[in-house]
PDB file of all heavy atoms in Angstrom:
ATOM      1  N   ILE A   1      36.855-114.281  23.583  1.00  0.00           N
ATOM      2  CA  ILE A   1      36.203-115.508  22.923  1.00  0.00           C
ATOM      3  C   ILE A   1      35.410-115.026  21.727  1.00  0.00           C
ATOM      4  O   ILE A   1      35.505-115.704  20.673  1.00  0.00           O
ATOM      5  CB  ILE A   1      35.298-116.182  23.955  1.00  0.00           C
ATOM      6  CG1 ILE A   1      36.096-116.868  25.112  1.00  0.00           C
ATOM      7  CG2 ILE A   1      34.387-117.296  23.225  1.00  0.00           C
ATOM      8  CD1 ILE A   1      35.254-117.274  26.236  1.00  0.00           C
ATOM      9  N   LEU A   2      34.694-113.996  21.786  1.00  0.00           N
ATOM     10  CA  LEU A   2      33.850-113.475  20.640  1.00  0.00           C
ATOM     11  C   LEU A   2      34.809-112.994  19.546  1.00  0.00           C
ATOM     12  O   LEU A   2      34.447-113.198  18.376  1.00  0.00           O
ATOM     13  CB  LEU A   2      32.955-112.324  21.086  1.00  0.00           C
ATOM     14  CG  LEU A   2      31.810-112.691  21.893  1.00  0.00           C
ATOM     15  CD1 LEU A   2      31.144-111.437  22.503  1.00  0.00           C
ATOM     16  CD2 LEU A   2      30.867-113.580  21.330  1.00  0.00           C
ATOM     17  N   GLU A   3      35.939-112.487  19.859  1.00  0.00           N
ATOM     18  CA  GLU A   3      36.893-112.000  18.745  1.00  0.00           C
ATOM     19  C   GLU A   3      37.356-113.222  18.071  1.00  0.00           C
ATOM     20  O   GLU A   3      37.478-113.212  16.793  1.00  0.00           O
ATOM     21  CB  GLU A   3      38.078-111.255  19.334  1.00  0.00           C
ATOM     22  CG  GLU A   3      37.798-109.922  19.810  1.00  0.00           C
ATOM     23  CD  GLU A   3      38.862-109.268  20.530  1.00  0.00           C
ATOM     24  OE1 GLU A   3      39.996-109.810  20.616  1.00  0.00           O
ATOM     25  OE2 GLU A   3      38.612-108.231  21.231  1.00  0.00           O
ATOM     26  N   LYS A   4      37.629-114.377  18.641  1.00  0.00           N
ATOM     27  CA  LYS A   4      38.143-115.510  18.062  1.00  0.00           C
ATOM     28  C   LYS A   4      37.088-116.412  17.517  1.00  0.00           C
ATOM     29  O   LYS A   4      37.325-117.387  16.771  1.00  0.00           O
ATOM     30  CB  LYS A   4      38.956-116.330  19.050  1.00  0.00           C
ATOM     31  CG  LYS A   4      40.317-115.651  19.471  1.00  0.00           C
ATOM     32  CD  LYS A   4      41.043-116.499  20.460  1.00  0.00           C
ATOM     33  CE  LYS A   4      42.334-115.655  20.791  1.00  0.00           C
ATOM     34  NZ  LYS A   4      43.258-116.518  21.653  1.00  0.00           N
ATOM     35  N   ASN A   5      35.819-116.153  17.942  1.00  0.00           N
ATOM     36  CA  ASN A   5      34.731-117.025  17.522  1.00  0.00           C
ATOM     37  C   ASN A   5      33.553-116.142  17.196  1.00  0.00           C
ATOM     38  O   ASN A   5      32.426-116.146  17.924  1.00  0.00           O
ATOM     39  CB  ASN A   5      34.317-118.029  18.764  1.00  0.00           C
ATOM     40  CG  ASN A   5      35.484-118.883  19.096  1.00  0.00           C
ATOM     41  OD1 ASN A   5      35.778-119.857  18.488  1.00  0.00           O
ATOM     42  ND2 ASN A   5      36.146-118.498  20.173  1.00  0.00           N
ATOM     43  N   PRO A   6      33.559-115.312  16.210  1.00  0.00           N
ATOM     44  CA  PRO A   6      32.526-114.355  15.847  1.00  0.00           C
ATOM     45  C   PRO A   6      31.087-115.045  15.608  1.00  0.00           C
ATOM     46  O   PRO A   6      30.040-114.427  15.752  1.00  0.00           O
ATOM     47  CB  PRO A   6      33.001-113.554  14.708  1.00  0.00           C
ATOM     48  CG  PRO A   6      34.092-114.356  14.166  1.00  0.00           C
ATOM     49  CD  PRO A   6      34.662-115.216  15.269  1.00  0.00           C
ATOM     50  N   SER A   7      31.157-116.285  15.227  1.00  0.00           N
ATOM     51  CA  SER A   7      29.913-116.915  14.920  1.00  0.00           C
ATOM     52  C   SER A   7      29.078-117.230  16.205  1.00  0.00           C
ATOM     53  O   SER A   7      27.902-117.698  16.134  1.00  0.00           O
ATOM     54  CB  SER A   7      30.091-118.319  14.152  1.00  0.00           C
ATOM     55  OG  SER A   7      30.914-119.130  14.881  1.00  0.00           O
ATOM     56  N   LEU A   8      29.723-117.054  17.380  1.00  0.00           N
ATOM     57  CA  LEU A   8      28.961-117.042  18.648  1.00  0.00           C
ATOM     58  C   LEU A   8      28.058-115.802  18.906  1.00  0.00           C
ATOM     59  O   LEU A   8      27.105-115.893  19.599  1.00  0.00           O
ATOM     60  CB  LEU A   8      29.903-117.205  19.815  1.00  0.00           C
ATOM     61  CG  LEU A   8      30.450-118.551  20.176  1.00  0.00           C
ATOM     62  CD1 LEU A   8      31.397-118.413  21.266  1.00  0.00           C
ATOM     63  CD2 LEU A   8      29.379-119.524  20.525  1.00  0.00           C
ATOM     64  N   LYS A   9      28.375-114.704  18.227  1.00  0.00           N
ATOM     65  CA  LYS A   9      27.578-113.550  18.456  1.00  0.00           C
ATOM     66  C   LYS A   9      26.057-113.642  18.206  1.00  0.00           C
ATOM     67  O   LYS A   9      25.337-113.238  19.020  1.00  0.00           O
ATOM     68  CB  LYS A   9      28.116-112.391  17.554  1.00  0.00           C
ATOM     69  CG  LYS A   9      29.440-111.871  18.111  1.00  0.00           C
ATOM     70  CD  LYS A   9      30.063-110.839  17.142  1.00  0.00           C
ATOM     71  CE  LYS A   9      31.379-110.416  17.535  1.00  0.00           C
ATOM     72  NZ  LYS A   9      31.864-109.340  16.653  1.00  0.00           N
ATOM     73  N   PRO A  10      25.596-114.337  17.185  1.00  0.00           N
ATOM     74  CA  PRO A  10      24.165-114.482  16.891  1.00  0.00           C
ATOM     75  C   PRO A  10      23.600-115.340  18.058  1.00  0.00           C
ATOM     76  O   PRO A  10      22.342-115.394  18.226  1.00  0.00           O
ATOM     77  CB  PRO A  10      24.016-115.183  15.619  1.00  0.00           C
ATOM     78  CG  PRO A  10      25.315-114.982  14.909  1.00  0.00           C
ATOM     79  CD  PRO A  10      26.396-114.828  15.982  1.00  0.00           C
ATOM     80  N   LYS A  11      24.335-116.112  18.816  1.00  0.00           N
ATOM     81  CA  LYS A  11      23.770-116.939  19.856  1.00  0.00           C
ATOM     82  C   LYS A  11      23.874-116.229  21.289  1.00  0.00           C
ATOM     83  O   LYS A  11      23.492-116.907  22.184  1.00  0.00           O
ATOM     84  CB  LYS A  11      24.545-118.286  19.914  1.00  0.00           C
ATOM     85  CG  LYS A  11      24.463-119.028  18.593  1.00  0.00           C
ATOM     86  CD  LYS A  11      25.326-120.219  18.690  1.00  0.00           C
ATOM     87  CE  LYS A  11      25.437-120.872  17.367  1.00  0.00           C
ATOM     88  NZ  LYS A  11      24.348-121.846  16.942  1.00  0.00           N
ATOM     89  N   LEU A  12      24.272-115.055  21.292  1.00  0.00           N
ATOM     90  CA  LEU A  12      24.456-114.386  22.629  1.00  0.00           C
ATOM     91  C   LEU A  12      23.202-114.337  23.487  1.00  0.00           C
ATOM     92  O   LEU A  12      23.268-114.531  24.643  1.00  0.00           O
ATOM     93  CB  LEU A  12      25.052-113.018  22.359  1.00  0.00           C
ATOM     94  CG  LEU A  12      26.547-112.912  22.224  1.00  0.00           C
ATOM     95  CD1 LEU A  12      27.001-111.533  21.885  1.00  0.00           C
ATOM     96  CD2 LEU A  12      27.258-113.525  23.475  1.00  0.00           C
ATOM     97  N   LYS A  13      22.067-114.088  22.900  1.00  0.00           N
ATOM     98  CA  LYS A  13      20.888-113.925  23.765  1.00  0.00           C
ATOM     99  C   LYS A  13      20.522-115.290  24.386  1.00  0.00           C
ATOM    100  O   LYS A  13      20.252-115.313  25.611  1.00  0.00           O
ATOM    101  CB  LYS A  13      19.669-113.501  22.820  1.00  0.00           C
ATOM    102  CG  LYS A  13      19.718-112.093  22.404  1.00  0.00           C
ATOM    103  CD  LYS A  13      18.542-111.697  21.524  1.00  0.00           C
ATOM    104  CE  LYS A  13      18.634-110.307  21.057  1.00  0.00           C
ATOM    105  NZ  LYS A  13      17.519-109.843  20.154  1.00  0.00           N
ATOM    106  N   GLU A  14      20.673-116.343  23.565  1.00  0.00           N
ATOM    107  CA  GLU A  14      20.466-117.668  24.224  1.00  0.00           C
ATOM    108  C   GLU A  14      21.552-118.054  25.257  1.00  0.00           C
ATOM    109  O   GLU A  14      21.143-118.518  26.347  1.00  0.00           O
ATOM    110  CB  GLU A  14      20.584-118.696  23.044  1.00  0.00           C
ATOM    111  CG  GLU A  14      20.593-120.155  23.512  1.00  0.00           C
ATOM    112  CD  GLU A  14      21.094-121.087  22.377  1.00  0.00           C
ATOM    113  OE1 GLU A  14      20.957-120.749  21.238  1.00  0.00           O
ATOM    114  OE2 GLU A  14      21.733-122.167  22.770  1.00  0.00           O
ATOM    115  N   ILE A  15      22.780-117.698  24.981  1.00  0.00           N
ATOM    116  CA  ILE A  15      23.850-118.020  25.955  1.00  0.00           C
ATOM    117  C   ILE A  15      23.692-117.092  27.191  1.00  0.00           C
ATOM    118  O   ILE A  15      23.815-117.642  28.307  1.00  0.00           O
ATOM    119  CB  ILE A  15      25.231-117.703  25.362  1.00  0.00           C
ATOM    120  CG1 ILE A  15      25.490-118.594  24.165  1.00  0.00           C
ATOM    121  CG2 ILE A  15      26.337-117.777  26.419  1.00  0.00           C
ATOM    122  CD1 ILE A  15      26.770-118.239  23.297  1.00  0.00           C
ATOM    123  N   ILE A  16      23.273-115.943  27.125  1.00  0.00           N
ATOM    124  CA  ILE A  16      22.995-115.092  28.233  1.00  0.00           C
ATOM    125  C   ILE A  16      21.787-115.637  29.055  1.00  0.00           C
ATOM    126  O   ILE A  16      21.901-115.687  30.329  1.00  0.00           O
ATOM    127  CB  ILE A  16      22.722-113.555  27.734  1.00  0.00           C
ATOM    128  CG1 ILE A  16      24.021-112.957  27.370  1.00  0.00           C
ATOM    129  CG2 ILE A  16      22.071-112.747  28.819  1.00  0.00           C
ATOM    130  CD1 ILE A  16      23.907-111.551  26.760  1.00  0.00           C
ATOM    131  N   LYS A  17      20.834-116.050  28.397  1.00  0.00           N
ATOM    132  CA  LYS A  17      19.644-116.592  29.119  1.00  0.00           C
ATOM    133  C   LYS A  17      20.075-117.855  29.890  1.00  0.00           C
ATOM    134  O   LYS A  17      19.655-117.985  31.137  1.00  0.00           O
ATOM    135  CB  LYS A  17      18.572-116.967  28.033  1.00  0.00           C
ATOM    136  CG  LYS A  17      17.322-117.563  28.662  1.00  0.00           C
ATOM    137  CD  LYS A  17      16.278-117.929  27.571  1.00  0.00           C
ATOM    138  CE  LYS A  17      15.037-118.507  28.183  1.00  0.00           C
ATOM    139  NZ  LYS A  17      14.025-118.901  27.216  1.00  0.00           N
ATOM    140  N   ASP A  18      20.776-118.768  29.282  1.00  0.00           N
ATOM    141  CA  ASP A  18      21.204-119.955  29.991  1.00  0.00           C
ATOM    142  C   ASP A  18      22.135-119.566  31.214  1.00  0.00           C
ATOM    143  O   ASP A  18      21.990-120.154  32.306  1.00  0.00           O
ATOM    144  CB  ASP A  18      21.955-120.909  29.080  1.00  0.00           C
ATOM    145  CG  ASP A  18      20.942-121.581  28.108  1.00  0.00           C
ATOM    146  OD1 ASP A  18      19.798-121.534  28.277  1.00  0.00           O
ATOM    147  OD2 ASP A  18      21.465-122.028  27.032  1.00  0.00           O
ATOM    148  N   ALA A  19      23.170-118.699  30.895  1.00  0.00           N
ATOM    149  CA  ALA A  19      24.058-118.332  31.938  1.00  0.00           C
ATOM    150  C   ALA A  19      23.363-117.629  33.135  1.00  0.00           C
ATOM    151  O   ALA A  19      23.732-117.956  34.349  1.00  0.00           O
ATOM    152  CB  ALA A  19      25.084-117.446  31.405  1.00  0.00           C
ATOM    153  N   TYR A  20      22.408-116.829  32.865  1.00  0.00           N
ATOM    154  CA  TYR A  20      21.630-116.115  33.996  1.00  0.00           C
ATOM    155  C   TYR A  20      20.936-117.207  34.835  1.00  0.00           C
ATOM    156  O   TYR A  20      21.001-117.061  36.003  1.00  0.00           O
ATOM    157  CB  TYR A  20      20.804-115.100  33.441  1.00  0.00           C
ATOM    158  CG  TYR A  20      20.061-114.336  34.577  1.00  0.00           C
ATOM    159  CD1 TYR A  20      20.754-113.502  35.298  1.00  0.00           C
ATOM    160  CD2 TYR A  20      18.687-114.653  34.775  1.00  0.00           C
ATOM    161  CE1 TYR A  20      20.093-112.812  36.356  1.00  0.00           C
ATOM    162  CE2 TYR A  20      18.028-113.995  35.871  1.00  0.00           C
ATOM    163  CZ  TYR A  20      18.734-113.044  36.662  1.00  0.00           C
ATOM    164  OH  TYR A  20      18.109-112.460  37.707  1.00  0.00           O
ATOM    165  N   ARG A  21      20.376-118.192  34.167  1.00  0.00           N
ATOM    166  CA  ARG A  21      19.594-119.123  35.045  1.00  0.00           C
ATOM    167  C   ARG A  21      20.556-119.734  36.080  1.00  0.00           C
ATOM    168  O   ARG A  21      20.135-119.916  37.190  1.00  0.00           O
ATOM    169  CB  ARG A  21      19.079-120.240  34.067  1.00  0.00           C
ATOM    170  CG  ARG A  21      18.219-121.231  34.771  1.00  0.00           C
ATOM    171  CD  ARG A  21      17.564-122.216  33.837  1.00  0.00           C
ATOM    172  NE  ARG A  21      18.598-122.962  33.089  1.00  0.00           N
ATOM    173  CZ  ARG A  21      18.602-123.281  31.822  1.00  0.00           C
ATOM    174  NH1 ARG A  21      17.575-122.987  31.077  1.00  0.00           N
ATOM    175  NH2 ARG A  21      19.596-123.958  31.277  1.00  0.00           N
ATOM    176  N   TYR A  22      21.733-120.181  35.694  1.00  0.00           N
ATOM    177  CA  TYR A  22      22.633-120.740  36.633  1.00  0.00           C
ATOM    178  C   TYR A  22      23.151-119.671  37.606  1.00  0.00           C
ATOM    179  O   TYR A  22      23.525-120.043  38.746  1.00  0.00           O
ATOM    180  CB  TYR A  22      23.734-121.473  35.842  1.00  0.00           C
ATOM    181  CG  TYR A  22      23.265-122.608  35.046  1.00  0.00           C
ATOM    182  CD1 TYR A  22      23.439-122.547  33.630  1.00  0.00           C
ATOM    183  CD2 TYR A  22      22.655-123.688  35.657  1.00  0.00           C
ATOM    184  CE1 TYR A  22      22.943-123.684  32.875  1.00  0.00           C
ATOM    185  CE2 TYR A  22      22.154-124.732  34.805  1.00  0.00           C
ATOM    186  CZ  TYR A  22      22.387-124.747  33.475  1.00  0.00           C
ATOM    187  OH  TYR A  22      21.845-125.766  32.753  1.00  0.00           O
ATOM    188  N   SER A  23      23.356-118.509  37.113  1.00  0.00           N
ATOM    189  CA  SER A  23      23.943-117.490  38.036  1.00  0.00           C
ATOM    190  C   SER A  23      23.031-117.121  39.228  1.00  0.00           C
ATOM    191  O   SER A  23      23.484-116.836  40.317  1.00  0.00           O
ATOM    192  CB  SER A  23      24.347-116.223  37.276  1.00  0.00           C
ATOM    193  OG  SER A  23      23.123-115.561  36.905  1.00  0.00           O
ATOM    194  N   ARG A  24      21.780-117.301  38.944  1.00  0.00           N
ATOM    195  CA  ARG A  24      20.741-117.071  40.131  1.00  0.00           C
ATOM    196  C   ARG A  24      21.038-118.110  41.157  1.00  0.00           C
ATOM    197  O   ARG A  24      20.900-117.737  42.361  1.00  0.00           O
ATOM    198  CB  ARG A  24      19.288-117.185  39.575  1.00  0.00           C
ATOM    199  CG  ARG A  24      18.785-116.078  38.761  1.00  0.00           C
ATOM    200  CD  ARG A  24      17.356-116.299  38.227  1.00  0.00           C
ATOM    201  NE  ARG A  24      16.458-116.245  39.292  1.00  0.00           N
ATOM    202  CZ  ARG A  24      15.351-116.931  39.273  1.00  0.00           C
ATOM    203  NH1 ARG A  24      15.127-117.827  38.257  1.00  0.00           N
ATOM    204  NH2 ARG A  24      14.571-116.827  40.249  1.00  0.00           N
ATOM    205  N   VAL A  25      21.224-119.344  40.830  1.00  0.00           N
ATOM    206  CA  VAL A  25      21.429-120.407  41.806  1.00  0.00           C
ATOM    207  C   VAL A  25      22.736-120.118  42.527  1.00  0.00           C
ATOM    208  O   VAL A  25      22.722-120.341  43.743  1.00  0.00           O
ATOM    209  CB  VAL A  25      21.426-121.776  41.134  1.00  0.00           C
ATOM    210  CG1 VAL A  25      21.810-122.891  42.077  1.00  0.00           C
ATOM    211  CG2 VAL A  25      20.172-122.132  40.377  1.00  0.00           C
ATOM    212  N   GLU A  26      23.774-119.749  41.836  1.00  0.00           N
ATOM    213  CA  GLU A  26      25.072-119.512  42.416  1.00  0.00           C
ATOM    214  C   GLU A  26      24.986-118.354  43.376  1.00  0.00           C
ATOM    215  O   GLU A  26      25.472-118.305  44.482  1.00  0.00           O
ATOM    216  CB  GLU A  26      26.230-119.312  41.351  1.00  0.00           C
ATOM    217  CG  GLU A  26      26.429-120.504  40.473  1.00  0.00           C
ATOM    218  CD  GLU A  26      27.355-120.261  39.405  1.00  0.00           C
ATOM    219  OE1 GLU A  26      28.080-119.352  39.429  1.00  0.00           O
ATOM    220  OE2 GLU A  26      27.306-121.094  38.414  1.00  0.00           O
ATOM    221  N   ALA A  27      24.311-117.280  42.933  1.00  0.00           N
ATOM    222  CA  ALA A  27      24.145-116.110  43.766  1.00  0.00           C
ATOM    223  C   ALA A  27      23.370-116.366  45.066  1.00  0.00           C
ATOM    224  O   ALA A  27      23.679-115.902  46.099  1.00  0.00           O
ATOM    225  CB  ALA A  27      23.489-114.939  43.030  1.00  0.00           C
ATOM    226  N   SER A  28      22.369-117.254  44.825  1.00  0.00           N
ATOM    227  CA  SER A  28      21.594-117.681  45.975  1.00  0.00           C
ATOM    228  C   SER A  28      22.504-118.482  47.000  1.00  0.00           C
ATOM    229  O   SER A  28      22.433-118.196  48.174  1.00  0.00           O
ATOM    230  CB  SER A  28      20.371-118.567  45.560  1.00  0.00           C
ATOM    231  OG  SER A  28      19.809-119.111  46.625  1.00  0.00           O
ATOM    232  N   SER A  29      23.285-119.324  46.500  1.00  0.00           N
ATOM    233  CA  SER A  29      24.175-120.039  47.351  1.00  0.00           C
ATOM    234  C   SER A  29      25.204-119.197  48.093  1.00  0.00           C
ATOM    235  O   SER A  29      25.449-119.400  49.315  1.00  0.00           O
ATOM    236  CB  SER A  29      24.875-121.079  46.576  1.00  0.00           C
ATOM    237  OG  SER A  29      25.894-121.778  47.216  1.00  0.00           O
ATOM    238  N   GLU A  30      25.766-118.210  47.406  1.00  0.00           N
ATOM    239  CA  GLU A  30      26.725-117.371  48.032  1.00  0.00           C
ATOM    240  C   GLU A  30      26.136-116.299  48.884  1.00  0.00           C
ATOM    241  O   GLU A  30      26.868-115.756  49.782  1.00  0.00           O
ATOM    242  CB  GLU A  30      27.578-116.709  46.944  1.00  0.00           C
ATOM    243  CG  GLU A  30      28.498-117.762  46.273  1.00  0.00           C
ATOM    244  CD  GLU A  30      29.651-117.072  45.553  1.00  0.00           C
ATOM    245  OE1 GLU A  30      30.004-115.924  45.881  1.00  0.00           O
ATOM    246  OE2 GLU A  30      30.292-117.751  44.842  1.00  0.00           O
TER     247      GLU A  30
END
């Protein structure tokens, strides 16, 4: 995805933060 969309790279910190928030909920459920 990053290779095809390099303009996402500057947003990685934000994307990681959002993804982690949801992954905690999913990990808790599992």
